[in-house]
Every structure is written in structure tokens, then in C-alpha cells.
Amino acid sequence: MQACNHCYASCLKEEHLSMMRDCIQLDRECADICAFTAQAMSQNSSYVKELCKICADVCEACGNECKNHDHEHCQRCAEACFSCAKACRAMAV
């Protein structure tokens, strides 16, 4: 969530903003679903497994988009997203 929020804010400052549009959108979606999933986990929701699967899917999509950009914040975000996706998939079983 933190890496996506940082990437989102950094992407908004990039010179070619239109090229970053998909990255910005996925950063927001990913940060939001990560926060929601963490909150659901802290509340012992009955839907944690389902939410973790969705969170993993969104994290993978965000990571795949971010890895296409050479900016350091995008590369760090991609790494964090892939790590989060792996952890979420393990919890979704």
C-alpha cells in the first residue's frame, strides 16, 4: 500500500503524465484494495480468503504495469506488489 501510494504521488510529478495514466490508476486501486484487505483481516472477516485473492490479482496487475516504467519508484512499487501478491496468494488457500 505504501509503495503504491508513493509511486502514485511520484507518477503525478513525471514530465510525461499521459504515459503514466495506467500506472497512476493501478497504483490507486492497488493501494485501496490493500488497505481494505488489511482492514478486513484485522476484523477477522469471513471473506479474507476471497479478498486476498482479489488483492493478489490487483497487486500483480499493478506490478506488471509498474515494471514497464524505468522510474525508480515504479520499479520499487513493482517489487512490493509482486511480494504482496505472493503473500496474499498464500493466505487465499
N, C-alpha and C. Protein backbone atom coordinates (compact mmCIF):
# COMPACT_ATOMS: atom_id res chain seq x y z
N MET A 1 0.83 -1.18 0.00
CA MET A 1 0.00 0.00 0.00
C MET A 1 0.88 1.25 0.00
N GLN A 2 1.90 1.25 0.84
CA GLN A 2 2.78 2.42 0.92
C GLN A 2 3.55 2.63 -0.37
N ALA A 3 4.04 1.55 -0.96
CA ALA A 3 4.79 1.67 -2.21
C ALA A 3 3.90 2.20 -3.32
N CYS A 4 2.65 1.74 -3.36
CA CYS A 4 1.71 2.21 -4.38
C CYS A 4 1.37 3.68 -4.18
N ASN A 5 1.18 4.09 -2.93
CA ASN A 5 0.90 5.49 -2.66
C ASN A 5 2.07 6.38 -3.04
N HIS A 6 3.29 5.91 -2.76
CA HIS A 6 4.48 6.68 -3.13
C HIS A 6 4.62 6.76 -4.65
N CYS A 7 4.41 5.64 -5.32
CA CYS A 7 4.50 5.60 -6.78
C CYS A 7 3.45 6.51 -7.41
N TYR A 8 2.24 6.44 -6.89
CA TYR A 8 1.15 7.29 -7.37
C TYR A 8 1.54 8.77 -7.29
N ALA A 9 2.00 9.20 -6.12
CA ALA A 9 2.38 10.60 -5.93
C ALA A 9 3.56 10.99 -6.82
N SER A 10 4.51 10.08 -6.98
CA SER A 10 5.68 10.35 -7.82
C SER A 10 5.31 10.39 -9.30
N CYS A 11 4.42 9.51 -9.72
CA CYS A 11 3.99 9.49 -11.12
C CYS A 11 3.31 10.80 -11.51
N LEU A 12 2.57 11.38 -10.57
CA LEU A 12 1.88 12.64 -10.86
C LEU A 12 2.87 13.78 -11.13
N LYS A 13 4.11 13.60 -10.70
CA LYS A 13 5.13 14.63 -10.91
C LYS A 13 5.97 14.39 -12.16
N GLU A 14 5.75 13.28 -12.83
CA GLU A 14 6.53 12.95 -14.02
C GLU A 14 6.18 13.88 -15.18
N GLU A 15 7.15 14.08 -16.05
CA GLU A 15 7.00 15.00 -17.18
C GLU A 15 5.94 14.53 -18.17
N HIS A 16 5.96 13.25 -18.49
CA HIS A 16 5.03 12.70 -19.49
C HIS A 16 3.87 12.02 -18.77
N LEU A 17 3.02 12.82 -18.20
CA LEU A 17 1.93 12.34 -17.36
C LEU A 17 0.99 11.38 -18.09
N SER A 18 0.72 11.65 -19.36
CA SER A 18 -0.21 10.79 -20.10
C SER A 18 0.33 9.37 -20.24
N MET A 19 1.65 9.23 -20.30
CA MET A 19 2.28 7.91 -20.40
C MET A 19 2.11 7.13 -19.08
N MET A 20 1.89 7.85 -17.99
CA MET A 20 1.81 7.23 -16.68
C MET A 20 0.36 6.96 -16.23
N ARG A 21 -0.59 7.26 -17.09
CA ARG A 21 -2.01 7.19 -16.72
C ARG A 21 -2.41 5.83 -16.14
N ASP A 22 -2.07 4.74 -16.83
CA ASP A 22 -2.45 3.41 -16.34
C ASP A 22 -1.75 3.08 -15.02
N CYS A 23 -0.50 3.50 -14.91
CA CYS A 23 0.27 3.26 -13.68
C CYS A 23 -0.39 3.98 -12.51
N ILE A 24 -0.75 5.21 -12.73
CA ILE A 24 -1.39 6.02 -11.68
C ILE A 24 -2.70 5.37 -11.23
N GLN A 25 -3.51 4.97 -12.18
CA GLN A 25 -4.80 4.35 -11.84
C GLN A 25 -4.61 3.05 -11.06
N LEU A 26 -3.70 2.20 -11.54
CA LEU A 26 -3.48 0.93 -10.84
C LEU A 26 -2.86 1.15 -9.46
N ASP A 27 -1.98 2.14 -9.34
CA ASP A 27 -1.43 2.46 -8.01
C ASP A 27 -2.55 2.77 -7.03
N ARG A 28 -3.51 3.58 -7.44
CA ARG A 28 -4.62 3.95 -6.55
C ARG A 28 -5.46 2.73 -6.21
N GLU A 29 -5.83 1.96 -7.23
CA GLU A 29 -6.66 0.78 -7.00
C GLU A 29 -5.96 -0.21 -6.08
N CYS A 30 -4.68 -0.41 -6.32
CA CYS A 30 -3.92 -1.37 -5.54
C CYS A 30 -3.79 -0.91 -4.09
N ALA A 31 -3.47 0.35 -3.88
CA ALA A 31 -3.37 0.87 -2.51
C ALA A 31 -4.71 0.72 -1.79
N ASP A 32 -5.78 1.01 -2.48
CA ASP A 32 -7.12 0.92 -1.86
C ASP A 32 -7.48 -0.52 -1.50
N ILE A 33 -7.25 -1.46 -2.41
CA ILE A 33 -7.61 -2.85 -2.12
C ILE A 33 -6.70 -3.43 -1.04
N CYS A 34 -5.44 -3.02 -1.02
CA CYS A 34 -4.54 -3.49 0.05
C CYS A 34 -5.01 -2.99 1.41
N ALA A 35 -5.39 -1.73 1.48
CA ALA A 35 -5.87 -1.16 2.74
C ALA A 35 -7.15 -1.85 3.19
N PHE A 36 -8.06 -2.07 2.25
CA PHE A 36 -9.33 -2.71 2.58
C PHE A 36 -9.10 -4.15 3.05
N THR A 37 -8.21 -4.87 2.37
CA THR A 37 -7.94 -6.25 2.73
C THR A 37 -7.29 -6.33 4.11
N ALA A 38 -6.35 -5.43 4.38
CA ALA A 38 -5.72 -5.40 5.70
C ALA A 38 -6.76 -5.11 6.79
N GLN A 39 -7.66 -4.21 6.52
CA GLN A 39 -8.71 -3.88 7.49
C GLN A 39 -9.61 -5.10 7.71
N ALA A 40 -9.99 -5.78 6.64
CA ALA A 40 -10.84 -6.96 6.76
C ALA A 40 -10.14 -8.05 7.57
N MET A 41 -8.84 -8.18 7.36
CA MET A 41 -8.07 -9.18 8.12
C MET A 41 -8.06 -8.83 9.60
N SER A 42 -7.90 -7.56 9.91
CA SER A 42 -7.86 -7.14 11.32
C SER A 42 -9.20 -7.32 12.01
N GLN A 43 -10.27 -7.40 11.22
CA GLN A 43 -11.61 -7.60 11.77
C GLN A 43 -12.08 -9.05 11.69
N ASN A 44 -11.15 -9.94 11.32
CA ASN A 44 -11.47 -11.37 11.19
C ASN A 44 -12.66 -11.61 10.27
N SER A 45 -12.68 -10.92 9.15
CA SER A 45 -13.76 -11.07 8.19
C SER A 45 -13.85 -12.50 7.68
N SER A 46 -15.07 -12.94 7.39
CA SER A 46 -15.30 -14.26 6.82
C SER A 46 -14.84 -14.34 5.36
N TYR A 47 -14.54 -13.19 4.77
CA TYR A 47 -14.21 -13.13 3.35
C TYR A 47 -12.73 -12.88 3.10
N VAL A 48 -11.90 -13.12 4.08
CA VAL A 48 -10.47 -12.83 3.94
C VAL A 48 -9.84 -13.58 2.77
N LYS A 49 -10.15 -14.84 2.62
CA LYS A 49 -9.55 -15.62 1.53
C LYS A 49 -9.92 -15.03 0.17
N GLU A 50 -11.18 -14.70 0.00
CA GLU A 50 -11.62 -14.12 -1.26
C GLU A 50 -10.97 -12.76 -1.50
N LEU A 51 -10.91 -11.95 -0.46
CA LEU A 51 -10.29 -10.63 -0.59
C LEU A 51 -8.80 -10.75 -0.89
N CYS A 52 -8.15 -11.72 -0.26
CA CYS A 52 -6.71 -11.92 -0.53
C CYS A 52 -6.47 -12.32 -1.99
N LYS A 53 -7.36 -13.11 -2.55
CA LYS A 53 -7.21 -13.48 -3.96
C LYS A 53 -7.37 -12.25 -4.85
N ILE A 54 -8.37 -11.44 -4.57
CA ILE A 54 -8.58 -10.22 -5.35
C ILE A 54 -7.39 -9.29 -5.17
N CYS A 55 -6.93 -9.14 -3.95
CA CYS A 55 -5.79 -8.28 -3.67
C CYS A 55 -4.56 -8.76 -4.45
N ALA A 56 -4.34 -10.06 -4.48
CA ALA A 56 -3.20 -10.62 -5.23
C ALA A 56 -3.33 -10.31 -6.72
N ASP A 57 -4.52 -10.44 -7.26
CA ASP A 57 -4.74 -10.14 -8.68
C ASP A 57 -4.45 -8.68 -9.00
N VAL A 58 -4.93 -7.78 -8.14
CA VAL A 58 -4.70 -6.35 -8.36
C VAL A 58 -3.23 -6.00 -8.19
N CYS A 59 -2.60 -6.59 -7.18
CA CYS A 59 -1.16 -6.35 -6.97
C CYS A 59 -0.34 -6.82 -8.17
N GLU A 60 -0.67 -7.96 -8.72
CA GLU A 60 0.04 -8.46 -9.90
C GLU A 60 -0.14 -7.52 -11.08
N ALA A 61 -1.36 -7.06 -11.29
CA ALA A 61 -1.63 -6.13 -12.40
C ALA A 61 -0.84 -4.84 -12.22
N CYS A 62 -0.82 -4.33 -11.00
CA CYS A 62 -0.09 -3.10 -10.72
C CYS A 62 1.41 -3.33 -10.91
N GLY A 63 1.91 -4.44 -10.40
CA GLY A 63 3.33 -4.76 -10.56
C GLY A 63 3.72 -4.90 -12.02
N ASN A 64 2.87 -5.53 -12.80
CA ASN A 64 3.16 -5.69 -14.23
C ASN A 64 3.20 -4.35 -14.95
N GLU A 65 2.32 -3.44 -14.56
CA GLU A 65 2.32 -2.11 -15.17
C GLU A 65 3.55 -1.32 -14.73
N CYS A 66 3.82 -1.33 -13.44
CA CYS A 66 4.94 -0.55 -12.91
C CYS A 66 6.29 -1.02 -13.47
N LYS A 67 6.44 -2.33 -13.67
CA LYS A 67 7.74 -2.83 -14.16
C LYS A 67 8.03 -2.36 -15.59
N ASN A 68 7.01 -1.87 -16.29
CA ASN A 68 7.21 -1.35 -17.64
C ASN A 68 7.84 0.04 -17.67
N HIS A 69 7.94 0.68 -16.51
CA HIS A 69 8.48 2.04 -16.43
C HIS A 69 9.85 2.01 -15.76
N ASP A 70 10.76 2.81 -16.26
CA ASP A 70 12.13 2.82 -15.76
C ASP A 70 12.33 3.62 -14.48
N HIS A 71 11.32 4.37 -14.06
CA HIS A 71 11.47 5.20 -12.87
C HIS A 71 11.72 4.32 -11.65
N GLU A 72 12.58 4.80 -10.77
CA GLU A 72 12.92 4.04 -9.58
C GLU A 72 11.69 3.74 -8.72
N HIS A 73 10.80 4.72 -8.58
CA HIS A 73 9.60 4.50 -7.76
C HIS A 73 8.72 3.42 -8.37
N CYS A 74 8.66 3.34 -9.68
CA CYS A 74 7.86 2.30 -10.33
C CYS A 74 8.50 0.92 -10.12
N GLN A 75 9.81 0.84 -10.23
CA GLN A 75 10.49 -0.44 -10.04
C GLN A 75 10.34 -0.95 -8.61
N ARG A 76 10.44 -0.04 -7.63
CA ARG A 76 10.26 -0.43 -6.24
C ARG A 76 8.81 -0.84 -5.98
N CYS A 77 7.88 -0.14 -6.60
CA CYS A 77 6.47 -0.48 -6.45
C CYS A 77 6.20 -1.87 -7.04
N ALA A 78 6.76 -2.15 -8.20
CA ALA A 78 6.57 -3.46 -8.81
C ALA A 78 7.06 -4.57 -7.88
N GLU A 79 8.24 -4.38 -7.30
CA GLU A 79 8.78 -5.38 -6.37
C GLU A 79 7.84 -5.59 -5.18
N ALA A 80 7.37 -4.49 -4.61
CA ALA A 80 6.46 -4.58 -3.46
C ALA A 80 5.15 -5.26 -3.85
N CYS A 81 4.64 -4.93 -5.02
CA CYS A 81 3.38 -5.53 -5.49
C CYS A 81 3.52 -7.03 -5.69
N PHE A 82 4.62 -7.46 -6.29
CA PHE A 82 4.80 -8.89 -6.51
C PHE A 82 4.98 -9.64 -5.18
N SER A 83 5.64 -9.01 -4.24
CA SER A 83 5.81 -9.60 -2.92
C SER A 83 4.46 -9.70 -2.20
N CYS A 84 3.67 -8.66 -2.28
CA CYS A 84 2.34 -8.66 -1.66
C CYS A 84 1.44 -9.70 -2.33
N ALA A 85 1.50 -9.78 -3.64
CA ALA A 85 0.68 -10.76 -4.36
C ALA A 85 1.02 -12.19 -3.91
N LYS A 86 2.30 -12.46 -3.74
CA LYS A 86 2.74 -13.78 -3.30
C LYS A 86 2.20 -14.10 -1.90
N ALA A 87 2.30 -13.12 -0.99
CA ALA A 87 1.80 -13.31 0.37
C ALA A 87 0.28 -13.49 0.38
N CYS A 88 -0.41 -12.71 -0.43
CA CYS A 88 -1.88 -12.81 -0.48
C CYS A 88 -2.31 -14.15 -1.06
N ARG A 89 -1.61 -14.63 -2.07
CA ARG A 89 -1.96 -15.93 -2.65
C ARG A 89 -1.79 -17.05 -1.61
N ALA A 90 -0.75 -16.93 -0.78
CA ALA A 90 -0.52 -17.92 0.26
C ALA A 90 -1.65 -17.92 1.29
N MET A 91 -2.20 -16.74 1.57
CA MET A 91 -3.30 -16.64 2.54
C MET A 91 -4.65 -17.00 1.94
N ALA A 92 -4.73 -17.01 0.62
CA ALA A 92 -6.01 -17.27 -0.05
C ALA A 92 -6.31 -18.76 -0.19
N VAL A 93 -5.37 -19.57 0.20
CA VAL A 93 -5.54 -21.02 0.04
C VAL A 93 -6.37 -21.60 1.15
